[in-house]
Amino acid sequence: MSSPEPPGRRGATLPLLASEIRVLFRRRRTWAMLIALAAVPVLVAVAVRISEGRAEDGRGPALIGAIAGNGLFVGVASLVLAIPLFLPLTIGVVAGDTIAGEASQGTLRYLLVVPAGRTRLLVVKFLGSAVFAIAAPLAIVLAGTLIGWALFPIGPVTLLSGDQVPVAEGLLRLLLIGLYVAVAMLGMTAIGLFVSTVTDVPVGAMAATVVLAVASEVLDQLPQIAWLHPFLFTDSWLGLIDLLRQPPLLSTFGTNALLQGAYVLVFGALAYGRMTTRDVLA
């Protein structure tokens, strides 16, 4: 069991968090994943440009087809394409490595004994992963906006409701959509944190986190268990489309935040229980 944190450790959370974020973004793996995510809108924009914006009817392709008329749709279409696999994969890698990575390198004992208590370490690790969960969709939005501006005309955005909004509001909504997706990934981040506390093998924790996300997505597609869908952490992932209506359905943002917050509380508590009962110093 963990003992109360000494008074000298109080107030050290911010320096420890800053150190965690620096370490995370100094890793080549982190930048490789962000660059890979940023490449998604580039590939989408180039493909649409080469094909002159022709697309078949359908939900995803319809968004892609709108790119030719307005480059601001590159970011939205790319997020829709990245959400089912690419974003969960990168989030799972970072979240699964939080505790298991330290354990496999032999640094977990040092972190617990010297600068941080177990609770503080869990909070810092989660917040560090949450920063990446914010950076990942924003990388897609930024790359999509830049490549869309370079290859396609930019003008008033025609929303799903048929209304048009100015470019400035379109950019604001694009940023809001990126933040919506970031919030949508927090539940998975908490799940990865918990899984990372039950193993010393980071690859196993990463794989388990991604598999759980894929399993949740599969369950979310089965109409026979529709009653379960609102409780799945992936159920609100594609709700970003509601932010392209006039007025935007901000209630969807709130529902998404409440759902992910519940997962953060539950799996954060499970991670805390695991860390406070596990003899990681032996």
C-alpha atoms as a PDB file:
ATOM      1  CA  MET A   1       0.000   0.000   0.000  1.00  0.00           C
ATOM      2  CA  SER A   2       1.151   3.564  -0.624  1.00  0.00           C
ATOM      3  CA  SER A   3       1.912   5.876   2.234  1.00  0.00           C
ATOM      4  CA  PRO A   4       0.797   9.522   2.418  1.00  0.00           C
ATOM      5  CA  GLU A   5       2.896  11.829   0.320  1.00  0.00           C
ATOM      6  CA  PRO A   6       5.460  13.839   2.258  1.00  0.00           C
ATOM      7  CA  PRO A   7       4.765  17.580   2.465  1.00  0.00           C
ATOM      8  CA  GLY A   8       7.909  18.267   0.412  1.00  0.00           C
ATOM      9  CA  ARG A   9       6.351  16.543  -2.559  1.00  0.00           C
ATOM     10  CA  ARG A  10       3.288  18.758  -2.594  1.00  0.00           C
ATOM     11  CA  GLY A  11       3.299  21.305  -5.367  1.00  0.00           C
ATOM     12  CA  ALA A  12       5.651  19.197  -7.481  1.00  0.00           C
ATOM     13  CA  THR A  13       2.924  18.036  -9.865  1.00  0.00           C
ATOM     14  CA  LEU A  14       3.436  20.751 -12.480  1.00  0.00           C
ATOM     15  CA  PRO A  15       7.220  20.242 -12.785  1.00  0.00           C
ATOM     16  CA  LEU A  16       6.656  16.495 -12.998  1.00  0.00           C
ATOM     17  CA  LEU A  17       3.957  16.980 -15.655  1.00  0.00           C
ATOM     18  CA  ALA A  18       6.212  19.326 -17.624  1.00  0.00           C
ATOM     19  CA  SER A  19       8.954  16.725 -17.497  1.00  0.00           C
ATOM     20  CA  GLU A  20       6.541  14.013 -18.668  1.00  0.00           C
ATOM     21  CA  ILE A  21       5.398  16.104 -21.627  1.00  0.00           C
ATOM     22  CA  ARG A  22       8.985  16.956 -22.581  1.00  0.00           C
ATOM     23  CA  VAL A  23       9.967  13.292 -22.510  1.00  0.00           C
ATOM     24  CA  LEU A  24       6.894  12.331 -24.545  1.00  0.00           C
ATOM     25  CA  PHE A  25       7.511  14.886 -27.276  1.00  0.00           C
ATOM     26  CA  ARG A  26      11.243  14.241 -27.433  1.00  0.00           C
ATOM     27  CA  ARG A  27      10.597  10.698 -28.561  1.00  0.00           C
ATOM     28  CA  ARG A  28      10.953   9.997 -32.257  1.00  0.00           C
ATOM     29  CA  ARG A  29       8.008   7.612 -31.996  1.00  0.00           C
ATOM     30  CA  THR A  30       5.714  10.435 -30.889  1.00  0.00           C
ATOM     31  CA  TRP A  31       6.661  12.659 -33.804  1.00  0.00           C
ATOM     32  CA  ALA A  32       6.498   9.739 -36.221  1.00  0.00           C
ATOM     33  CA  MET A  33       2.898   9.098 -35.167  1.00  0.00           C
ATOM     34  CA  LEU A  34       1.954  12.774 -35.427  1.00  0.00           C
ATOM     35  CA  ILE A  35       3.541  13.016 -38.866  1.00  0.00           C
ATOM     36  CA  ALA A  36       1.703   9.860 -39.947  1.00  0.00           C
ATOM     37  CA  LEU A  37      -1.585  11.378 -38.769  1.00  0.00           C
ATOM     38  CA  ALA A  38      -0.795  14.647 -40.556  1.00  0.00           C
ATOM     39  CA  ALA A  39      -0.142  12.647 -43.714  1.00  0.00           C
ATOM     40  CA  VAL A  40      -3.761  11.432 -43.785  1.00  0.00           C
ATOM     41  CA  PRO A  41      -5.249  14.782 -44.918  1.00  0.00           C
ATOM     42  CA  VAL A  42      -2.370  15.292 -47.341  1.00  0.00           C
ATOM     43  CA  LEU A  43      -3.113  11.941 -49.002  1.00  0.00           C
ATOM     44  CA  VAL A  44      -6.840  12.687 -49.036  1.00  0.00           C
ATOM     45  CA  ALA A  45      -6.359  16.146 -50.564  1.00  0.00           C
ATOM     46  CA  VAL A  46      -3.920  14.938 -53.217  1.00  0.00           C
ATOM     47  CA  ALA A  47      -6.218  12.041 -54.151  1.00  0.00           C
ATOM     48  CA  VAL A  48      -9.217  14.364 -54.497  1.00  0.00           C
ATOM     49  CA  ARG A  49      -7.149  16.860 -56.462  1.00  0.00           C
ATOM     50  CA  ILE A  50      -5.940  14.215 -58.882  1.00  0.00           C
ATOM     51  CA  SER A  51      -9.439  12.801 -59.350  1.00  0.00           C
ATOM     52  CA  GLU A  52     -10.895  16.324 -59.692  1.00  0.00           C
ATOM     53  CA  GLY A  53     -13.136  15.788 -56.645  1.00  0.00           C
ATOM     54  CA  ARG A  54     -15.262  12.999 -58.160  1.00  0.00           C
ATOM     55  CA  ALA A  55     -16.708  10.656 -55.519  1.00  0.00           C
ATOM     56  CA  GLU A  56     -19.476   8.088 -55.198  1.00  0.00           C
ATOM     57  CA  ASP A  57     -22.572   8.633 -53.101  1.00  0.00           C
ATOM     58  CA  GLY A  58     -22.272   7.762 -49.433  1.00  0.00           C
ATOM     59  CA  ARG A  59     -21.521   9.180 -46.031  1.00  0.00           C
ATOM     60  CA  GLY A  60     -17.737   9.229 -46.024  1.00  0.00           C
ATOM     61  CA  PRO A  61     -17.228   9.891 -49.750  1.00  0.00           C
ATOM     62  CA  ALA A  62     -19.842  12.667 -49.637  1.00  0.00           C
ATOM     63  CA  LEU A  63     -17.635  14.579 -47.202  1.00  0.00           C
ATOM     64  CA  ILE A  64     -14.635  13.860 -49.379  1.00  0.00           C
ATOM     65  CA  GLY A  65     -16.509  15.038 -52.453  1.00  0.00           C
ATOM     66  CA  ALA A  66     -17.200  18.370 -50.736  1.00  0.00           C
ATOM     67  CA  ILE A  67     -13.450  19.009 -50.526  1.00  0.00           C
ATOM     68  CA  ALA A  68     -13.244  20.091 -54.159  1.00  0.00           C
ATOM     69  CA  GLY A  69     -15.657  22.940 -53.475  1.00  0.00           C
ATOM     70  CA  ASN A  70     -14.075  24.042 -50.200  1.00  0.00           C
ATOM     71  CA  GLY A  71     -10.655  23.058 -48.853  1.00  0.00           C
ATOM     72  CA  LEU A  72     -11.814  23.458 -45.246  1.00  0.00           C
ATOM     73  CA  PHE A  73     -13.550  20.079 -45.553  1.00  0.00           C
ATOM     74  CA  VAL A  74     -10.186  18.319 -45.833  1.00  0.00           C
ATOM     75  CA  GLY A  75      -9.678  18.375 -42.071  1.00  0.00           C
ATOM     76  CA  VAL A  76     -13.197  17.122 -41.261  1.00  0.00           C
ATOM     77  CA  ALA A  77     -13.124  14.329 -43.848  1.00  0.00           C
ATOM     78  CA  SER A  78      -9.679  13.250 -42.665  1.00  0.00           C
ATOM     79  CA  LEU A  79     -10.818  13.083 -39.036  1.00  0.00           C
ATOM     80  CA  VAL A  80     -13.771  10.896 -40.031  1.00  0.00           C
ATOM     81  CA  LEU A  81     -11.367   8.581 -41.876  1.00  0.00           C
ATOM     82  CA  ALA A  82      -8.802   8.531 -39.045  1.00  0.00           C
ATOM     83  CA  ILE A  83     -11.188   7.937 -36.133  1.00  0.00           C
ATOM     84  CA  PRO A  84     -11.943   4.226 -36.688  1.00  0.00           C
ATOM     85  CA  LEU A  85      -8.303   3.055 -36.693  1.00  0.00           C
ATOM     86  CA  PHE A  86      -5.454   5.570 -36.980  1.00  0.00           C
ATOM     87  CA  LEU A  87      -6.331   7.717 -33.962  1.00  0.00           C
ATOM     88  CA  PRO A  88      -7.101   4.749 -31.648  1.00  0.00           C
ATOM     89  CA  LEU A  89      -3.845   3.128 -32.736  1.00  0.00           C
ATOM     90  CA  THR A  90      -1.702   6.135 -31.825  1.00  0.00           C
ATOM     91  CA  ILE A  91      -3.618   6.889 -28.618  1.00  0.00           C
ATOM     92  CA  GLY A  92      -3.331   3.235 -27.621  1.00  0.00           C
ATOM     93  CA  VAL A  93       0.442   3.274 -28.128  1.00  0.00           C
ATOM     94  CA  VAL A  94       0.928   6.323 -25.901  1.00  0.00           C
ATOM     95  CA  ALA A  95      -1.579   5.336 -23.193  1.00  0.00           C
ATOM     96  CA  GLY A  96      -0.441   1.719 -23.055  1.00  0.00           C
ATOM     97  CA  ASP A  97       3.150   2.788 -22.542  1.00  0.00           C
ATOM     98  CA  THR A  98       2.466   5.076 -19.559  1.00  0.00           C
ATOM     99  CA  ILE A  99       3.171   2.741 -16.622  1.00  0.00           C
ATOM    100  CA  ALA A 100       4.233  -0.456 -18.376  1.00  0.00           C
ATOM    101  CA  GLY A 101       6.956   1.429 -20.244  1.00  0.00           C
ATOM    102  CA  GLU A 102       8.450   2.729 -17.001  1.00  0.00           C
ATOM    103  CA  ALA A 103       8.250  -0.748 -15.440  1.00  0.00           C
ATOM    104  CA  SER A 104       9.974  -2.411 -18.394  1.00  0.00           C
ATOM    105  CA  GLN A 105      12.809   0.140 -18.279  1.00  0.00           C
ATOM    106  CA  GLY A 106      13.250  -0.196 -14.525  1.00  0.00           C
ATOM    107  CA  THR A 107      12.456   3.483 -13.873  1.00  0.00           C
ATOM    108  CA  LEU A 108       9.066   2.969 -12.198  1.00  0.00           C
ATOM    109  CA  ARG A 109      10.594   2.248  -8.794  1.00  0.00           C
ATOM    110  CA  TYR A 110      12.683   5.406  -8.984  1.00  0.00           C
ATOM    111  CA  LEU A 111       9.655   7.535  -9.893  1.00  0.00           C
ATOM    112  CA  LEU A 112       7.659   6.148  -6.990  1.00  0.00           C
ATOM    113  CA  VAL A 113      10.430   6.416  -4.407  1.00  0.00           C
ATOM    114  CA  VAL A 114      12.034   9.732  -5.249  1.00  0.00           C
ATOM    115  CA  PRO A 115       9.980  12.492  -6.917  1.00  0.00           C
ATOM    116  CA  ALA A 116       6.381  11.220  -6.986  1.00  0.00           C
ATOM    117  CA  GLY A 117       3.787   9.269  -5.090  1.00  0.00           C
ATOM    118  CA  ARG A 118       1.598   6.711  -6.795  1.00  0.00           C
ATOM    119  CA  THR A 119      -1.450   8.949  -7.091  1.00  0.00           C
ATOM    120  CA  ARG A 120       0.597  11.853  -8.408  1.00  0.00           C
ATOM    121  CA  LEU A 121       2.316   9.576 -10.920  1.00  0.00           C
ATOM    122  CA  LEU A 122      -1.011   8.253 -12.241  1.00  0.00           C
ATOM    123  CA  VAL A 123      -2.399  11.768 -12.621  1.00  0.00           C
ATOM    124  CA  VAL A 124       0.726  12.980 -14.424  1.00  0.00           C
ATOM    125  CA  LYS A 125       0.799   9.955 -16.731  1.00  0.00           C
ATOM    126  CA  PHE A 126      -2.871  10.426 -17.622  1.00  0.00           C
ATOM    127  CA  LEU A 127      -2.475  14.149 -18.253  1.00  0.00           C
ATOM    128  CA  GLY A 128       0.593  13.522 -20.404  1.00  0.00           C
ATOM    129  CA  SER A 129      -1.383  11.027 -22.493  1.00  0.00           C
ATOM    130  CA  ALA A 130      -4.290  13.492 -22.637  1.00  0.00           C
ATOM    131  CA  VAL A 131      -1.968  16.137 -24.097  1.00  0.00           C
ATOM    132  CA  PHE A 132      -1.109  13.711 -26.896  1.00  0.00           C
ATOM    133  CA  ALA A 133      -4.829  12.929 -27.332  1.00  0.00           C
ATOM    134  CA  ILE A 134      -5.314  16.659 -27.973  1.00  0.00           C
ATOM    135  CA  ALA A 135      -2.283  17.003 -30.231  1.00  0.00           C
ATOM    136  CA  ALA A 136      -3.220  14.030 -32.441  1.00  0.00           C
ATOM    137  CA  PRO A 137      -6.552  15.296 -33.878  1.00  0.00           C
ATOM    138  CA  LEU A 138      -5.259  18.864 -33.975  1.00  0.00           C
ATOM    139  CA  ALA A 139      -2.345  17.660 -36.123  1.00  0.00           C
ATOM    140  CA  ILE A 140      -4.901  16.317 -38.608  1.00  0.00           C
ATOM    141  CA  VAL A 141      -6.924  19.538 -38.489  1.00  0.00           C
ATOM    142  CA  LEU A 142      -3.868  21.753 -38.971  1.00  0.00           C
ATOM    143  CA  ALA A 143      -2.421  19.683 -41.807  1.00  0.00           C
ATOM    144  CA  GLY A 144      -5.848  19.423 -43.421  1.00  0.00           C
ATOM    145  CA  THR A 145      -6.404  23.173 -43.260  1.00  0.00           C
ATOM    146  CA  LEU A 146      -3.007  23.972 -44.752  1.00  0.00           C
ATOM    147  CA  ILE A 147      -3.178  21.444 -47.590  1.00  0.00           C
ATOM    148  CA  GLY A 148      -6.813  22.341 -48.249  1.00  0.00           C
ATOM    149  CA  TRP A 149      -5.872  26.009 -48.489  1.00  0.00           C
ATOM    150  CA  ALA A 150      -3.054  25.172 -50.888  1.00  0.00           C
ATOM    151  CA  LEU A 151      -4.949  22.872 -53.270  1.00  0.00           C
ATOM    152  CA  PHE A 152      -8.581  23.996 -53.200  1.00  0.00           C
ATOM    153  CA  PRO A 153     -10.645  27.179 -53.051  1.00  0.00           C
ATOM    154  CA  ILE A 154     -11.542  28.490 -49.615  1.00  0.00           C
ATOM    155  CA  GLY A 155     -14.835  30.251 -49.032  1.00  0.00           C
ATOM    156  CA  PRO A 156     -18.021  30.290 -46.971  1.00  0.00           C
ATOM    157  CA  VAL A 157     -18.731  26.819 -45.587  1.00  0.00           C
ATOM    158  CA  THR A 158     -21.980  25.106 -46.532  1.00  0.00           C
ATOM    159  CA  LEU A 159     -23.131  23.129 -43.496  1.00  0.00           C
ATOM    160  CA  LEU A 160     -25.113  19.893 -43.435  1.00  0.00           C
ATOM    161  CA  SER A 161     -28.254  21.947 -42.753  1.00  0.00           C
ATOM    162  CA  GLY A 162     -27.707  23.857 -46.001  1.00  0.00           C
ATOM    163  CA  ASP A 163     -26.783  27.121 -44.258  1.00  0.00           C
ATOM    164  CA  GLN A 164     -23.555  28.938 -45.079  1.00  0.00           C
ATOM    165  CA  VAL A 165     -21.171  30.400 -42.509  1.00  0.00           C
ATOM    166  CA  PRO A 166     -18.171  32.684 -43.082  1.00  0.00           C
ATOM    167  CA  VAL A 167     -14.648  31.313 -43.351  1.00  0.00           C
ATOM    168  CA  ALA A 168     -13.782  32.552 -39.863  1.00  0.00           C
ATOM    169  CA  GLU A 169     -16.688  30.636 -38.321  1.00  0.00           C
ATOM    170  CA  GLY A 170     -15.813  27.624 -40.449  1.00  0.00           C
ATOM    171  CA  LEU A 171     -12.297  27.639 -39.008  1.00  0.00           C
ATOM    172  CA  LEU A 172     -13.698  28.000 -35.497  1.00  0.00           C
ATOM    173  CA  ARG A 173     -15.989  25.024 -36.034  1.00  0.00           C
ATOM    174  CA  LEU A 174     -13.071  23.021 -37.405  1.00  0.00           C
ATOM    175  CA  LEU A 175     -11.112  23.745 -34.235  1.00  0.00           C
ATOM    176  CA  LEU A 176     -14.161  22.793 -32.143  1.00  0.00           C
ATOM    177  CA  ILE A 177     -14.419  19.511 -34.054  1.00  0.00           C
ATOM    178  CA  GLY A 178     -10.757  18.797 -33.331  1.00  0.00           C
ATOM    179  CA  LEU A 179     -11.349  19.429 -29.626  1.00  0.00           C
ATOM    180  CA  TYR A 180     -14.465  17.229 -29.737  1.00  0.00           C
ATOM    181  CA  VAL A 181     -12.379  14.343 -31.075  1.00  0.00           C
ATOM    182  CA  ALA A 182      -9.701  14.997 -28.430  1.00  0.00           C
ATOM    183  CA  VAL A 183     -12.325  14.718 -25.680  1.00  0.00           C
ATOM    184  CA  ALA A 184     -13.699  11.580 -27.354  1.00  0.00           C
ATOM    185  CA  MET A 185     -10.291   9.925 -26.966  1.00  0.00           C
ATOM    186  CA  LEU A 186      -9.977  10.553 -23.211  1.00  0.00           C
ATOM    187  CA  GLY A 187     -11.978   7.478 -22.249  1.00  0.00           C
ATOM    188  CA  MET A 188      -9.644   5.294 -24.275  1.00  0.00           C
ATOM    189  CA  THR A 189      -6.683   7.081 -22.694  1.00  0.00           C
ATOM    190  CA  ALA A 190      -7.943   6.128 -19.218  1.00  0.00           C
ATOM    191  CA  ILE A 191      -8.490   2.534 -20.330  1.00  0.00           C
ATOM    192  CA  GLY A 192      -4.926   2.400 -21.647  1.00  0.00           C
ATOM    193  CA  LEU A 193      -3.631   3.793 -18.352  1.00  0.00           C
ATOM    194  CA  PHE A 194      -5.397   1.046 -16.408  1.00  0.00           C
ATOM    195  CA  VAL A 195      -4.220  -1.718 -18.751  1.00  0.00           C
ATOM    196  CA  SER A 196      -0.694  -0.336 -18.429  1.00  0.00           C
ATOM    197  CA  THR A 197      -0.807  -0.844 -14.655  1.00  0.00           C
ATOM    198  CA  VAL A 198      -1.514  -4.572 -14.898  1.00  0.00           C
ATOM    199  CA  THR A 199       1.491  -5.549 -17.003  1.00  0.00           C
ATOM    200  CA  ASP A 200       5.188  -4.803 -17.330  1.00  0.00           C
ATOM    201  CA  VAL A 201       5.088  -5.398 -21.100  1.00  0.00           C
ATOM    202  CA  PRO A 202       4.291  -2.122 -22.886  1.00  0.00           C
ATOM    203  CA  VAL A 203       3.610  -3.761 -26.251  1.00  0.00           C
ATOM    204  CA  GLY A 204       1.000  -5.964 -24.599  1.00  0.00           C
ATOM    205  CA  ALA A 205      -0.662  -2.967 -22.968  1.00  0.00           C
ATOM    206  CA  MET A 206      -0.674  -1.056 -26.268  1.00  0.00           C
ATOM    207  CA  ALA A 207      -2.161  -3.995 -28.167  1.00  0.00           C
ATOM    208  CA  ALA A 208      -4.804  -4.682 -25.506  1.00  0.00           C
ATOM    209  CA  THR A 209      -5.906  -1.027 -25.508  1.00  0.00           C
ATOM    210  CA  VAL A 210      -6.267  -0.927 -29.285  1.00  0.00           C
ATOM    211  CA  VAL A 211      -8.081  -4.278 -29.347  1.00  0.00           C
ATOM    212  CA  LEU A 212     -10.565  -3.008 -26.753  1.00  0.00           C
ATOM    213  CA  ALA A 213     -11.230   0.056 -28.918  1.00  0.00           C
ATOM    214  CA  VAL A 214     -11.781  -2.080 -32.025  1.00  0.00           C
ATOM    215  CA  ALA A 215     -14.047  -4.442 -30.082  1.00  0.00           C
ATOM    216  CA  SER A 216     -16.102  -1.499 -28.841  1.00  0.00           C
ATOM    217  CA  GLU A 217     -16.434  -0.185 -32.402  1.00  0.00           C
ATOM    218  CA  VAL A 218     -17.599  -3.613 -33.613  1.00  0.00           C
ATOM    219  CA  LEU A 219     -20.185  -3.862 -30.827  1.00  0.00           C
ATOM    220  CA  ASP A 220     -21.351  -0.351 -31.693  1.00  0.00           C
ATOM    221  CA  GLN A 221     -22.299  -1.582 -35.166  1.00  0.00           C
ATOM    222  CA  LEU A 222     -24.515  -4.452 -33.981  1.00  0.00           C
ATOM    223  CA  PRO A 223     -28.203  -3.417 -33.917  1.00  0.00           C
ATOM    224  CA  GLN A 224     -29.064  -6.440 -31.765  1.00  0.00           C
ATOM    225  CA  ILE A 225     -27.418  -4.761 -28.768  1.00  0.00           C
ATOM    226  CA  ALA A 226     -28.544  -1.197 -29.417  1.00  0.00           C
ATOM    227  CA  TRP A 227     -29.305  -0.841 -25.699  1.00  0.00           C
ATOM    228  CA  LEU A 228     -25.567  -1.124 -25.016  1.00  0.00           C
ATOM    229  CA  HIS A 229     -24.409   1.443 -27.577  1.00  0.00           C
ATOM    230  CA  PRO A 230     -24.825   4.598 -25.425  1.00  0.00           C
ATOM    231  CA  PHE A 231     -22.490   3.063 -22.827  1.00  0.00           C
ATOM    232  CA  LEU A 232     -19.651   2.233 -25.246  1.00  0.00           C
ATOM    233  CA  PHE A 233     -16.768   4.704 -25.152  1.00  0.00           C
ATOM    234  CA  THR A 234     -16.627   4.705 -28.963  1.00  0.00           C
ATOM    235  CA  ASP A 235     -20.329   5.491 -29.441  1.00  0.00           C
ATOM    236  CA  SER A 236     -19.853   9.265 -29.582  1.00  0.00           C
ATOM    237  CA  TRP A 237     -16.703   9.287 -31.712  1.00  0.00           C
ATOM    238  CA  LEU A 238     -18.444  10.280 -34.957  1.00  0.00           C
ATOM    239  CA  GLY A 239     -20.787  12.754 -33.276  1.00  0.00           C
ATOM    240  CA  LEU A 240     -18.515  15.489 -34.607  1.00  0.00           C
ATOM    241  CA  ILE A 241     -20.822  15.698 -37.619  1.00  0.00           C
ATOM    242  CA  ASP A 242     -23.412  17.422 -35.422  1.00  0.00           C
ATOM    243  CA  LEU A 243     -21.064  20.401 -35.145  1.00  0.00           C
ATOM    244  CA  LEU A 244     -21.570  20.994 -38.884  1.00  0.00           C
ATOM    245  CA  ARG A 245     -25.233  21.853 -38.422  1.00  0.00           C
ATOM    246  CA  GLN A 246     -26.861  25.253 -37.885  1.00  0.00           C
ATOM    247  CA  PRO A 247     -27.095  25.805 -35.032  1.00  0.00           C
ATOM    248  CA  PRO A 248     -24.413  23.347 -33.939  1.00  0.00           C
ATOM    249  CA  LEU A 249     -25.730  20.587 -31.672  1.00  0.00           C
ATOM    250  CA  LEU A 250     -23.546  21.373 -28.672  1.00  0.00           C
ATOM    251  CA  SER A 251     -25.558  18.871 -26.643  1.00  0.00           C
ATOM    252  CA  THR A 252     -23.627  16.186 -28.522  1.00  0.00           C
ATOM    253  CA  PHE A 253     -20.387  17.707 -27.198  1.00  0.00           C
ATOM    254  CA  GLY A 254     -21.801  17.568 -23.678  1.00  0.00           C
ATOM    255  CA  THR A 255     -22.948  13.954 -24.056  1.00  0.00           C
ATOM    256  CA  ASN A 256     -19.516  13.030 -25.366  1.00  0.00           C
ATOM    257  CA  ALA A 257     -17.799  14.773 -22.449  1.00  0.00           C
ATOM    258  CA  LEU A 258     -20.039  13.061 -19.865  1.00  0.00           C
ATOM    259  CA  LEU A 259     -19.477   9.622 -21.405  1.00  0.00           C
ATOM    260  CA  GLN A 260     -15.711  10.013 -21.570  1.00  0.00           C
ATOM    261  CA  GLY A 261     -15.642  11.542 -18.092  1.00  0.00           C
ATOM    262  CA  ALA A 262     -17.401   8.457 -16.731  1.00  0.00           C
ATOM    263  CA  TYR A 263     -14.781   6.204 -18.306  1.00  0.00           C
ATOM    264  CA  VAL A 264     -11.993   8.382 -16.936  1.00  0.00           C
ATOM    265  CA  LEU A 265     -13.445   8.110 -13.419  1.00  0.00           C
ATOM    266  CA  VAL A 266     -14.056   4.359 -13.574  1.00  0.00           C
ATOM    267  CA  PHE A 267     -10.779   3.307 -15.157  1.00  0.00           C
ATOM    268  CA  GLY A 268      -8.844   5.958 -13.255  1.00  0.00           C
ATOM    269  CA  ALA A 269     -10.193   4.406 -10.044  1.00  0.00           C
ATOM    270  CA  LEU A 270      -9.260   0.925 -11.280  1.00  0.00           C
ATOM    271  CA  ALA A 271      -5.748   2.125 -12.125  1.00  0.00           C
ATOM    272  CA  TYR A 272      -5.450   3.726  -8.691  1.00  0.00           C
ATOM    273  CA  GLY A 273      -6.610   0.536  -7.006  1.00  0.00           C
ATOM    274  CA  ARG A 274      -4.108  -1.500  -8.965  1.00  0.00           C
ATOM    275  CA  MET A 275      -1.197   0.854  -8.267  1.00  0.00           C
ATOM    276  CA  THR A 276      -1.886   1.136  -4.538  1.00  0.00           C
ATOM    277  CA  THR A 277      -2.068  -2.621  -4.024  1.00  0.00           C
ATOM    278  CA  ARG A 278       0.701  -3.722  -6.373  1.00  0.00           C
ATOM    279  CA  ASP A 279       4.171  -4.221  -4.892  1.00  0.00           C
ATOM    280  CA  VAL A 280       6.058  -2.458  -7.671  1.00  0.00           C
ATOM    281  CA  LEU A 281       9.060  -1.799  -5.412  1.00  0.00           C
ATOM    282  CA  ALA A 282       9.885  -5.406  -4.778  1.00  0.00           C
END
